[in-house]
Amino acid sequence: MTKYALIFKSNAAFDWTTLPPEDAEKAAAAWGNWIASMGSAVRASDAFKFGGRSVSEKGTTAADNLLIGYVLIEVENFDEAEKLAEGAPSVATGQGSIEVYEILPTTH
């Protein structure tokens, strides 16, 4: 089994906390259902709070806020990880994409 990161990327910066409560609940349910559909492959998942910062050698600036969350999964191969990513709500609605990365084994 190999670990993969599925990184959620929005097409435009948007603060999800500004949605009306019923819309926020609907969006949270869609994401929750998708993550639950991956079953035991899921190792961790979270959404990012709007208002991130970007740090570089030039200093710190406001992030573009296009990255909105992640899921860490463990599956047999890249094709399986990619197939799971295709079911994400943002992919289905055209509101964003999922970037899939294999996680390199490291020692800490």
PDB file of N, CA and C in Angstrom:
ATOM      1  N   MET A   1       0.852  -1.192   0.000  1.00  0.00           N
ATOM      2  CA  MET A   1       0.000   0.000   0.000  1.00  0.00           C
ATOM      3  C   MET A   1       0.889   1.243   0.000  1.00  0.00           C
ATOM      4  N   THR A   2       0.410   2.259  -0.689  1.00  0.00           N
ATOM      5  CA  THR A   2       1.165   3.504  -0.831  1.00  0.00           C
ATOM      6  C   THR A   2       0.299   4.661  -0.354  1.00  0.00           C
ATOM      7  N   LYS A   3       0.934   5.651   0.265  1.00  0.00           N
ATOM      8  CA  LYS A   3       0.215   6.830   0.744  1.00  0.00           C
ATOM      9  C   LYS A   3       0.188   7.910  -0.339  1.00  0.00           C
ATOM     10  N   TYR A   4      -0.967   8.598  -0.412  1.00  0.00           N
ATOM     11  CA  TYR A   4      -1.162   9.687  -1.364  1.00  0.00           C
ATOM     12  C   TYR A   4      -1.838  10.853  -0.651  1.00  0.00           C
ATOM     13  N   ALA A   5      -1.524  12.053  -1.114  1.00  0.00           N
ATOM     14  CA  ALA A   5      -2.207  13.256  -0.647  1.00  0.00           C
ATOM     15  C   ALA A   5      -3.106  13.744  -1.769  1.00  0.00           C
ATOM     16  N   LEU A   6      -4.362  13.949  -1.445  1.00  0.00           N
ATOM     17  CA  LEU A   6      -5.308  14.558  -2.371  1.00  0.00           C
ATOM     18  C   LEU A   6      -5.517  15.989  -1.883  1.00  0.00           C
ATOM     19  N   ILE A   7      -5.027  16.946  -2.658  1.00  0.00           N
ATOM     20  CA  ILE A   7      -5.073  18.356  -2.264  1.00  0.00           C
ATOM     21  C   ILE A   7      -6.206  19.041  -3.013  1.00  0.00           C
ATOM     22  N   PHE A   8      -7.139  19.648  -2.287  1.00  0.00           N
ATOM     23  CA  PHE A   8      -8.293  20.303  -2.883  1.00  0.00           C
ATOM     24  C   PHE A   8      -7.902  21.713  -3.323  1.00  0.00           C
ATOM     25  N   LYS A   9      -8.166  22.027  -4.572  1.00  0.00           N
ATOM     26  CA  LYS A   9      -7.827  23.342  -5.118  1.00  0.00           C
ATOM     27  C   LYS A   9      -9.065  23.965  -5.762  1.00  0.00           C
ATOM     28  N   SER A  10      -9.439  25.152  -5.291  1.00  0.00           N
ATOM     29  CA  SER A  10     -10.600  25.862  -5.810  1.00  0.00           C
ATOM     30  C   SER A  10     -10.200  26.657  -7.052  1.00  0.00           C
ATOM     31  N   ASN A  11     -11.169  26.922  -7.929  1.00  0.00           N
ATOM     32  CA  ASN A  11     -10.898  27.754  -9.109  1.00  0.00           C
ATOM     33  C   ASN A  11     -10.756  29.226  -8.747  1.00  0.00           C
ATOM     34  N   ALA A  12     -11.326  29.614  -7.624  1.00  0.00           N
ATOM     35  CA  ALA A  12     -11.278  31.010  -7.184  1.00  0.00           C
ATOM     36  C   ALA A  12     -11.257  31.052  -5.660  1.00  0.00           C
ATOM     37  N   ALA A  13     -10.598  32.073  -5.124  1.00  0.00           N
ATOM     38  CA  ALA A  13     -10.557  32.228  -3.667  1.00  0.00           C
ATOM     39  C   ALA A  13     -11.966  32.512  -3.159  1.00  0.00           C
ATOM     40  N   PHE A  14     -12.357  31.787  -2.115  1.00  0.00           N
ATOM     41  CA  PHE A  14     -13.689  31.966  -1.547  1.00  0.00           C
ATOM     42  C   PHE A  14     -13.661  31.545  -0.092  1.00  0.00           C
ATOM     43  N   ASP A  15     -14.174  32.384   0.774  1.00  0.00           N
ATOM     44  CA  ASP A  15     -14.244  32.085   2.197  1.00  0.00           C
ATOM     45  C   ASP A  15     -15.530  31.317   2.471  1.00  0.00           C
ATOM     46  N   TRP A  16     -15.388  29.987   2.637  1.00  0.00           N
ATOM     47  CA  TRP A  16     -16.546  29.121   2.820  1.00  0.00           C
ATOM     48  C   TRP A  16     -17.340  29.439   4.073  1.00  0.00           C
ATOM     49  N   THR A  17     -16.715  30.109   5.045  1.00  0.00           N
ATOM     50  CA  THR A  17     -17.422  30.428   6.287  1.00  0.00           C
ATOM     51  C   THR A  17     -18.441  31.550   6.087  1.00  0.00           C
ATOM     52  N   THR A  18     -18.431  32.191   4.924  1.00  0.00           N
ATOM     53  CA  THR A  18     -19.398  33.261   4.659  1.00  0.00           C
ATOM     54  C   THR A  18     -20.685  32.738   4.030  1.00  0.00           C
ATOM     55  N   LEU A  19     -20.749  31.446   3.756  1.00  0.00           N
ATOM     56  CA  LEU A  19     -21.965  30.865   3.187  1.00  0.00           C
ATOM     57  C   LEU A  19     -23.103  30.901   4.199  1.00  0.00           C
ATOM     58  N   PRO A  20     -24.339  31.024   3.717  1.00  0.00           N
ATOM     59  CA  PRO A  20     -25.473  30.880   4.629  1.00  0.00           C
ATOM     60  C   PRO A  20     -25.408  29.492   5.275  1.00  0.00           C
ATOM     61  N   PRO A  21     -25.846  29.355   6.518  1.00  0.00           N
ATOM     62  CA  PRO A  21     -25.728  28.079   7.237  1.00  0.00           C
ATOM     63  C   PRO A  21     -26.239  26.863   6.466  1.00  0.00           C
ATOM     64  N   GLU A  22     -27.372  26.987   5.791  1.00  0.00           N
ATOM     65  CA  GLU A  22     -27.914  25.833   5.073  1.00  0.00           C
ATOM     66  C   GLU A  22     -27.021  25.428   3.890  1.00  0.00           C
ATOM     67  N   ASP A  23     -26.401  26.415   3.223  1.00  0.00           N
ATOM     68  CA  ASP A  23     -25.483  26.112   2.125  1.00  0.00           C
ATOM     69  C   ASP A  23     -24.185  25.497   2.652  1.00  0.00           C
ATOM     70  N   ALA A  24     -23.707  26.010   3.790  1.00  0.00           N
ATOM     71  CA  ALA A  24     -22.492  25.466   4.400  1.00  0.00           C
ATOM     72  C   ALA A  24     -22.715  24.015   4.826  1.00  0.00           C
ATOM     73  N   GLU A  25     -23.886  23.731   5.391  1.00  0.00           N
ATOM     74  CA  GLU A  25     -24.209  22.358   5.810  1.00  0.00           C
ATOM     75  C   GLU A  25     -24.281  21.425   4.601  1.00  0.00           C
ATOM     76  N   LYS A  26     -24.865  21.903   3.517  1.00  0.00           N
ATOM     77  CA  LYS A  26     -24.981  21.101   2.298  1.00  0.00           C
ATOM     78  C   LYS A  26     -23.593  20.802   1.726  1.00  0.00           C
ATOM     79  N   ALA A  27     -22.724  21.815   1.684  1.00  0.00           N
ATOM     80  CA  ALA A  27     -21.362  21.622   1.174  1.00  0.00           C
ATOM     81  C   ALA A  27     -20.579  20.671   2.075  1.00  0.00           C
ATOM     82  N   ALA A  28     -20.689  20.867   3.391  1.00  0.00           N
ATOM     83  CA  ALA A  28     -19.978  19.999   4.338  1.00  0.00           C
ATOM     84  C   ALA A  28     -20.457  18.555   4.204  1.00  0.00           C
ATOM     85  N   ALA A  29     -21.747  18.362   3.996  1.00  0.00           N
ATOM     86  CA  ALA A  29     -22.286  17.011   3.838  1.00  0.00           C
ATOM     87  C   ALA A  29     -21.745  16.358   2.563  1.00  0.00           C
ATOM     88  N   ALA A  30     -21.670  17.116   1.474  1.00  0.00           N
ATOM     89  CA  ALA A  30     -21.156  16.571   0.213  1.00  0.00           C
ATOM     90  C   ALA A  30     -19.704  16.128   0.369  1.00  0.00           C
ATOM     91  N   TRP A  31     -18.884  16.983   0.999  1.00  0.00           N
ATOM     92  CA  TRP A  31     -17.484  16.620   1.218  1.00  0.00           C
ATOM     93  C   TRP A  31     -17.375  15.447   2.187  1.00  0.00           C
ATOM     94  N   GLY A  32     -18.158  15.470   3.239  1.00  0.00           N
ATOM     95  CA  GLY A  32     -18.134  14.385   4.213  1.00  0.00           C
ATOM     96  C   GLY A  32     -18.537  13.059   3.600  1.00  0.00           C
ATOM     97  N   ASN A  33     -19.560  13.083   2.754  1.00  0.00           N
ATOM     98  CA  ASN A  33     -20.003  11.852   2.087  1.00  0.00           C
ATOM     99  C   ASN A  33     -18.928  11.307   1.145  1.00  0.00           C
ATOM    100  N   TRP A  34     -18.271  12.200   0.409  1.00  0.00           N
ATOM    101  CA  TRP A  34     -17.200  11.768  -0.492  1.00  0.00           C
ATOM    102  C   TRP A  34     -16.057  11.135   0.300  1.00  0.00           C
ATOM    103  N   ILE A  35     -15.635  11.800   1.376  1.00  0.00           N
ATOM    104  CA  ILE A  35     -14.541  11.267   2.186  1.00  0.00           C
ATOM    105  C   ILE A  35     -14.953   9.922   2.796  1.00  0.00           C
ATOM    106  N   ALA A  36     -16.179   9.831   3.294  1.00  0.00           N
ATOM    107  CA  ALA A  36     -16.659   8.567   3.866  1.00  0.00           C
ATOM    108  C   ALA A  36     -16.715   7.460   2.811  1.00  0.00           C
ATOM    109  N   SER A  37     -16.967   7.826   1.559  1.00  0.00           N
ATOM    110  CA  SER A  37     -17.059   6.821   0.499  1.00  0.00           C
ATOM    111  C   SER A  37     -15.723   6.124   0.235  1.00  0.00           C
ATOM    112  N   MET A  38     -14.635   6.724   0.685  1.00  0.00           N
ATOM    113  CA  MET A  38     -13.311   6.122   0.499  1.00  0.00           C
ATOM    114  C   MET A  38     -12.984   5.115   1.598  1.00  0.00           C
ATOM    115  N   GLY A  39     -13.849   5.038   2.594  1.00  0.00           N
ATOM    116  CA  GLY A  39     -13.721   4.029   3.643  1.00  0.00           C
ATOM    117  C   GLY A  39     -12.380   3.990   4.327  1.00  0.00           C
ATOM    118  N   SER A  40     -11.848   2.779   4.452  1.00  0.00           N
ATOM    119  CA  SER A  40     -10.624   2.572   5.224  1.00  0.00           C
ATOM    120  C   SER A  40      -9.365   3.105   4.539  1.00  0.00           C
ATOM    121  N   ALA A  41      -9.476   3.595   3.306  1.00  0.00           N
ATOM    122  CA  ALA A  41      -8.313   4.181   2.624  1.00  0.00           C
ATOM    123  C   ALA A  41      -7.905   5.509   3.270  1.00  0.00           C
ATOM    124  N   VAL A  42      -8.866   6.187   3.912  1.00  0.00           N
ATOM    125  CA  VAL A  42      -8.608   7.515   4.482  1.00  0.00           C
ATOM    126  C   VAL A  42      -7.780   7.409   5.752  1.00  0.00           C
ATOM    127  N   ARG A  43      -6.700   8.195   5.799  1.00  0.00           N
ATOM    128  CA  ARG A  43      -5.832   8.254   6.978  1.00  0.00           C
ATOM    129  C   ARG A  43      -6.019   9.556   7.757  1.00  0.00           C
ATOM    130  N   ALA A  44      -6.359  10.647   7.039  1.00  0.00           N
ATOM    131  CA  ALA A  44      -6.583  11.952   7.679  1.00  0.00           C
ATOM    132  C   ALA A  44      -7.245  12.865   6.657  1.00  0.00           C
ATOM    133  N   SER A  45      -7.969  13.870   7.143  1.00  0.00           N
ATOM    134  CA  SER A  45      -8.546  14.876   6.245  1.00  0.00           C
ATOM    135  C   SER A  45      -8.893  16.117   7.049  1.00  0.00           C
ATOM    136  N   ASP A  46      -8.794  17.243   6.390  1.00  0.00           N
ATOM    137  CA  ASP A  46      -9.168  18.520   7.002  1.00  0.00           C
ATOM    138  C   ASP A  46      -9.348  19.567   5.914  1.00  0.00           C
ATOM    139  N   ALA A  47     -10.063  20.613   6.259  1.00  0.00           N
ATOM    140  CA  ALA A  47     -10.212  21.778   5.391  1.00  0.00           C
ATOM    141  C   ALA A  47      -9.305  22.882   5.922  1.00  0.00           C
ATOM    142  N   PHE A  48      -8.883  23.756   5.025  1.00  0.00           N
ATOM    143  CA  PHE A  48      -8.043  24.881   5.421  1.00  0.00           C
ATOM    144  C   PHE A  48      -8.903  26.106   5.676  1.00  0.00           C
ATOM    145  N   LYS A  49      -8.585  26.852   6.714  1.00  0.00           N
ATOM    146  CA  LYS A  49      -9.274  28.096   7.020  1.00  0.00           C
ATOM    147  C   LYS A  49      -8.813  29.167   6.030  1.00  0.00           C
ATOM    148  N   PHE A  50      -9.752  29.945   5.526  1.00  0.00           N
ATOM    149  CA  PHE A  50      -9.457  31.036   4.600  1.00  0.00           C
ATOM    150  C   PHE A  50      -8.550  32.059   5.286  1.00  0.00           C
ATOM    151  N   GLY A  51      -7.628  32.619   4.554  1.00  0.00           N
ATOM    152  CA  GLY A  51      -6.762  33.661   5.100  1.00  0.00           C
ATOM    153  C   GLY A  51      -5.357  33.177   5.373  1.00  0.00           C
ATOM    154  N   GLY A  52      -4.887  32.211   4.568  1.00  0.00           N
ATOM    155  CA  GLY A  52      -3.532  31.694   4.747  1.00  0.00           C
ATOM    156  C   GLY A  52      -2.468  32.725   4.394  1.00  0.00           C
ATOM    157  N   ARG A  53      -1.252  32.377   4.692  1.00  0.00           N
ATOM    158  CA  ARG A  53      -0.108  33.255   4.389  1.00  0.00           C
ATOM    159  C   ARG A  53       0.897  32.462   3.575  1.00  0.00           C
ATOM    160  N   SER A  54       1.591  33.153   2.687  1.00  0.00           N
ATOM    161  CA  SER A  54       2.623  32.557   1.852  1.00  0.00           C
ATOM    162  C   SER A  54       3.971  33.104   2.300  1.00  0.00           C
ATOM    163  N   VAL A  55       4.881  32.201   2.626  1.00  0.00           N
ATOM    164  CA  VAL A  55       6.193  32.599   3.136  1.00  0.00           C
ATOM    165  C   VAL A  55       7.250  32.230   2.101  1.00  0.00           C
ATOM    166  N   SER A  56       8.091  33.196   1.734  1.00  0.00           N
ATOM    167  CA  SER A  56       9.190  32.954   0.789  1.00  0.00           C
ATOM    168  C   SER A  56      10.398  33.764   1.214  1.00  0.00           C
ATOM    169  N   GLU A  57      11.449  33.660   0.426  1.00  0.00           N
ATOM    170  CA  GLU A  57      12.662  34.428   0.742  1.00  0.00           C
ATOM    171  C   GLU A  57      12.409  35.930   0.666  1.00  0.00           C
ATOM    172  N   LYS A  58      11.317  36.332   0.026  1.00  0.00           N
ATOM    173  CA  LYS A  58      10.971  37.754  -0.100  1.00  0.00           C
ATOM    174  C   LYS A  58      10.102  38.244   1.050  1.00  0.00           C
ATOM    175  N   GLY A  59       9.735  37.343   1.946  1.00  0.00           N
ATOM    176  CA  GLY A  59       8.900  37.722   3.083  1.00  0.00           C
ATOM    177  C   GLY A  59       7.583  36.979   3.081  1.00  0.00           C
ATOM    178  N   THR A  60       6.617  37.522   3.797  1.00  0.00           N
ATOM    179  CA  THR A  60       5.314  36.896   3.957  1.00  0.00           C
ATOM    180  C   THR A  60       4.242  37.766   3.312  1.00  0.00           C
ATOM    181  N   THR A  61       3.357  37.124   2.551  1.00  0.00           N
ATOM    182  CA  THR A  61       2.249  37.820   1.905  1.00  0.00           C
ATOM    183  C   THR A  61       0.975  36.994   2.093  1.00  0.00           C
ATOM    184  N   ALA A  62      -0.136  37.575   1.735  1.00  0.00           N
ATOM    185  CA  ALA A  62      -1.401  36.841   1.786  1.00  0.00           C
ATOM    186  C   ALA A  62      -1.361  35.710   0.752  1.00  0.00           C
ATOM    187  N   ALA A  63      -1.820  34.540   1.134  1.00  0.00           N
ATOM    188  CA  ALA A  63      -1.893  33.412   0.210  1.00  0.00           C
ATOM    189  C   ALA A  63      -3.014  33.653  -0.798  1.00  0.00           C
ATOM    190  N   ASP A  64      -2.966  32.937  -1.903  1.00  0.00           N
ATOM    191  CA  ASP A  64      -4.032  33.083  -2.899  1.00  0.00           C
ATOM    192  C   ASP A  64      -5.327  32.392  -2.462  1.00  0.00           C
ATOM    193  N   ASN A  65      -5.272  31.598  -1.405  1.00  0.00           N
ATOM    194  CA  ASN A  65      -6.446  30.917  -0.839  1.00  0.00           C
ATOM    195  C   ASN A  65      -7.162  30.012  -1.828  1.00  0.00           C
ATOM    196  N   LEU A  66      -6.412  29.428  -2.759  1.00  0.00           N
ATOM    197  CA  LEU A  66      -6.986  28.466  -3.694  1.00  0.00           C
ATOM    198  C   LEU A  66      -6.926  27.045  -3.152  1.00  0.00           C
ATOM    199  N   LEU A  67      -6.008  26.784  -2.220  1.00  0.00           N
ATOM    200  CA  LEU A  67      -5.932  25.467  -1.583  1.00  0.00           C
ATOM    201  C   LEU A  67      -6.939  25.443  -0.446  1.00  0.00           C
ATOM    202  N   ILE A  68      -7.835  24.443  -0.468  1.00  0.00           N
ATOM    203  CA  ILE A  68      -8.930  24.488   0.501  1.00  0.00           C
ATOM    204  C   ILE A  68      -8.989  23.298   1.447  1.00  0.00           C
ATOM    205  N   GLY A  69      -8.129  22.290   1.225  1.00  0.00           N
ATOM    206  CA  GLY A  69      -8.121  21.159   2.140  1.00  0.00           C
ATOM    207  C   GLY A  69      -7.360  19.984   1.570  1.00  0.00           C
ATOM    208  N   TYR A  70      -7.423  18.870   2.283  1.00  0.00           N
ATOM    209  CA  TYR A  70      -6.682  17.682   1.865  1.00  0.00           C
ATOM    210  C   TYR A  70      -7.296  16.420   2.454  1.00  0.00           C
ATOM    211  N   VAL A  71      -6.968  15.301   1.816  1.00  0.00           N
ATOM    212  CA  VAL A  71      -7.232  13.969   2.361  1.00  0.00           C
ATOM    213  C   VAL A  71      -5.962  13.169   2.156  1.00  0.00           C
ATOM    214  N   LEU A  72      -5.527  12.478   3.179  1.00  0.00           N
ATOM    215  CA  LEU A  72      -4.422  11.534   3.057  1.00  0.00           C
ATOM    216  C   LEU A  72      -5.037  10.153   2.965  1.00  0.00           C
ATOM    217  N   ILE A  73      -4.647   9.414   1.930  1.00  0.00           N
ATOM    218  CA  ILE A  73      -5.187   8.072   1.738  1.00  0.00           C
ATOM    219  C   ILE A  73      -4.049   7.078   1.578  1.00  0.00           C
ATOM    220  N   GLU A  74      -4.385   5.819   1.734  1.00  0.00           N
ATOM    221  CA  GLU A  74      -3.437   4.742   1.497  1.00  0.00           C
ATOM    222  C   GLU A  74      -4.134   3.706   0.624  1.00  0.00           C
ATOM    223  N   VAL A  75      -3.625   3.553  -0.607  1.00  0.00           N
ATOM    224  CA  VAL A  75      -4.216   2.644  -1.589  1.00  0.00           C
ATOM    225  C   VAL A  75      -3.113   1.909  -2.344  1.00  0.00           C
ATOM    226  N   GLU A  76      -3.486   1.019  -3.227  1.00  0.00           N
ATOM    227  CA  GLU A  76      -2.531   0.172  -3.941  1.00  0.00           C
ATOM    228  C   GLU A  76      -1.635   0.929  -4.912  1.00  0.00           C
ATOM    229  N   ASN A  77      -2.214   1.906  -5.669  1.00  0.00           N
ATOM    230  CA  ASN A  77      -1.415   2.560  -6.708  1.00  0.00           C
ATOM    231  C   ASN A  77      -1.978   3.935  -7.051  1.00  0.00           C
ATOM    232  N   PHE A  78      -1.226   4.638  -7.899  1.00  0.00           N
ATOM    233  CA  PHE A  78      -1.596   6.003  -8.289  1.00  0.00           C
ATOM    234  C   PHE A  78      -2.943   6.028  -9.004  1.00  0.00           C
ATOM    235  N   ASP A  79      -3.195   5.045  -9.863  1.00  0.00           N
ATOM    236  CA  ASP A  79      -4.465   5.003 -10.590  1.00  0.00           C
ATOM    237  C   ASP A  79      -5.650   4.934  -9.635  1.00  0.00           C
ATOM    238  N   GLU A  80      -5.522   4.153  -8.573  1.00  0.00           N
ATOM    239  CA  GLU A  80      -6.596   4.049  -7.582  1.00  0.00           C
ATOM    240  C   GLU A  80      -6.789   5.379  -6.855  1.00  0.00           C
ATOM    241  N   ALA A  81      -5.690   6.047  -6.515  1.00  0.00           N
ATOM    242  CA  ALA A  81      -5.773   7.353  -5.857  1.00  0.00           C
ATOM    243  C   ALA A  81      -6.458   8.372  -6.768  1.00  0.00           C
ATOM    244  N   GLU A  82      -6.072   8.360  -8.027  1.00  0.00           N
ATOM    245  CA  GLU A  82      -6.663   9.277  -9.000  1.00  0.00           C
ATOM    246  C   GLU A  82      -8.164   9.004  -9.172  1.00  0.00           C
ATOM    247  N   LYS A  83      -8.532   7.754  -9.219  1.00  0.00           N
ATOM    248  CA  LYS A  83      -9.944   7.382  -9.363  1.00  0.00           C
ATOM    249  C   LYS A  83     -10.763   7.890  -8.172  1.00  0.00           C
ATOM    250  N   LEU A  84     -10.220   7.775  -6.969  1.00  0.00           N
ATOM    251  CA  LEU A  84     -10.922   8.292  -5.790  1.00  0.00           C
ATOM    252  C   LEU A  84     -11.074   9.811  -5.870  1.00  0.00           C
ATOM    253  N   ALA A  85     -10.053  10.498  -6.361  1.00  0.00           N
ATOM    254  CA  ALA A  85     -10.090  11.961  -6.472  1.00  0.00           C
ATOM    255  C   ALA A  85     -11.188  12.429  -7.419  1.00  0.00           C
ATOM    256  N   GLU A  86     -11.475  11.629  -8.434  1.00  0.00           N
ATOM    257  CA  GLU A  86     -12.487  12.005  -9.417  1.00  0.00           C
ATOM    258  C   GLU A  86     -13.874  12.188  -8.794  1.00  0.00           C
ATOM    259  N   GLY A  87     -14.108  11.597  -7.653  1.00  0.00           N
ATOM    260  CA  GLY A  87     -15.420  11.702  -7.011  1.00  0.00           C
ATOM    261  C   GLY A  87     -15.601  12.920  -6.126  1.00  0.00           C
ATOM    262  N   ALA A  88     -14.601  13.778  -6.024  1.00  0.00           N
ATOM    263  CA  ALA A  88     -14.690  14.945  -5.142  1.00  0.00           C
ATOM    264  C   ALA A  88     -15.781  15.910  -5.592  1.00  0.00           C
ATOM    265  N   PRO A  89     -16.487  16.520  -4.643  1.00  0.00           N
ATOM    266  CA  PRO A  89     -17.551  17.464  -4.996  1.00  0.00           C
ATOM    267  C   PRO A  89     -17.089  18.596  -5.912  1.00  0.00           C
ATOM    268  N   SER A  90     -15.913  19.142  -5.680  1.00  0.00           N
ATOM    269  CA  SER A  90     -15.442  20.259  -6.504  1.00  0.00           C
ATOM    270  C   SER A  90     -15.164  19.832  -7.937  1.00  0.00           C
ATOM    271  N   VAL A  91     -14.758  18.586  -8.120  1.00  0.00           N
ATOM    272  CA  VAL A  91     -14.527  18.071  -9.473  1.00  0.00           C
ATOM    273  C   VAL A  91     -15.873  17.897 -10.180  1.00  0.00           C
ATOM    274  N   ALA A  92     -16.832  17.304  -9.488  1.00  0.00           N
ATOM    275  CA  ALA A  92     -18.145  17.043 -10.070  1.00  0.00           C
ATOM    276  C   ALA A  92     -18.870  18.327 -10.466  1.00  0.00           C
ATOM    277  N   THR A  93     -18.680  19.397  -9.697  1.00  0.00           N
ATOM    278  CA  THR A  93     -19.391  20.653  -9.969  1.00  0.00           C
ATOM    279  C   THR A  93     -18.583  21.618 -10.822  1.00  0.00           C
ATOM    280  N   GLY A  94     -17.322  21.295 -11.095  1.00  0.00           N
ATOM    281  CA  GLY A  94     -16.479  22.186 -11.884  1.00  0.00           C
ATOM    282  C   GLY A  94     -15.947  23.378 -11.109  1.00  0.00           C
ATOM    283  N   GLN A  95     -16.063  23.341  -9.779  1.00  0.00           N
ATOM    284  CA  GLN A  95     -15.616  24.464  -8.952  1.00  0.00           C
ATOM    285  C   GLN A  95     -14.145  24.395  -8.578  1.00  0.00           C
ATOM    286  N   GLY A  96     -13.497  23.284  -8.928  1.00  0.00           N
ATOM    287  CA  GLY A  96     -12.098  23.151  -8.566  1.00  0.00           C
ATOM    288  C   GLY A  96     -11.538  21.840  -9.048  1.00  0.00           C
ATOM    289  N   SER A  97     -10.382  21.516  -8.526  1.00  0.00           N
ATOM    290  CA  SER A  97      -9.693  20.296  -8.929  1.00  0.00           C
ATOM    291  C   SER A  97      -9.062  19.638  -7.708  1.00  0.00           C
ATOM    292  N   ILE A  98      -8.603  18.431  -7.908  1.00  0.00           N
ATOM    293  CA  ILE A  98      -7.887  17.707  -6.861  1.00  0.00           C
ATOM    294  C   ILE A  98      -6.502  17.381  -7.418  1.00  0.00           C
ATOM    295  N   GLU A  99      -5.476  17.772  -6.712  1.00  0.00           N
ATOM    296  CA  GLU A  99      -4.120  17.409  -7.100  1.00  0.00           C
ATOM    297  C   GLU A  99      -3.729  16.174  -6.305  1.00  0.00           C
ATOM    298  N   VAL A 100      -3.197  15.180  -6.987  1.00  0.00           N
ATOM    299  CA  VAL A 100      -2.846  13.900  -6.376  1.00  0.00           C
ATOM    300  C   VAL A 100      -1.332  13.768  -6.350  1.00  0.00           C
ATOM    301  N   TYR A 101      -0.788  13.515  -5.166  1.00  0.00           N
ATOM    302  CA  TYR A 101       0.653  13.340  -4.995  1.00  0.00           C
ATOM    303  C   TYR A 101       0.926  12.081  -4.204  1.00  0.00           C
ATOM    304  N   GLU A 102       1.871  11.290  -4.686  1.00  0.00           N
ATOM    305  CA  GLU A 102       2.355  10.166  -3.902  1.00  0.00           C
ATOM    306  C   GLU A 102       3.239  10.723  -2.791  1.00  0.00           C
ATOM    307  N   ILE A 103       3.104  10.185  -1.611  1.00  0.00           N
ATOM    308  CA  ILE A 103       3.906  10.636  -0.474  1.00  0.00           C
ATOM    309  C   ILE A 103       5.146   9.759  -0.404  1.00  0.00           C
ATOM    310  N   LEU A 104       6.299  10.388  -0.434  1.00  0.00           N
ATOM    311  CA  LEU A 104       7.554   9.658  -0.342  1.00  0.00           C
ATOM    312  C   LEU A 104       7.769   9.142   1.073  1.00  0.00           C
ATOM    313  N   PRO A 105       8.184   7.895   1.205  1.00  0.00           N
ATOM    314  CA  PRO A 105       8.490   7.384   2.536  1.00  0.00           C
ATOM    315  C   PRO A 105       9.707   8.141   3.100  1.00  0.00           C
ATOM    316  N   THR A 106       9.602   8.566   4.323  1.00  0.00           N
ATOM    317  CA  THR A 106      10.702   9.279   4.973  1.00  0.00           C
ATOM    318  C   THR A 106      10.886   8.727   6.378  1.00  0.00           C
ATOM    319  N   THR A 107      12.029   8.988   6.943  1.00  0.00           N
ATOM    320  CA  THR A 107      12.260   8.666   8.347  1.00  0.00           C
ATOM    321  C   THR A 107      12.300   9.965   9.125  1.00  0.00           C
ATOM    322  N   HIS A 108      11.715   9.950  10.281  1.00  0.00           N
ATOM    323  CA  HIS A 108      11.655  11.176  11.105  1.00  0.00           C
ATOM    324  C   HIS A 108      12.458  10.997  12.354  1.00  0.00           C
TER     325      HIS A 108
END
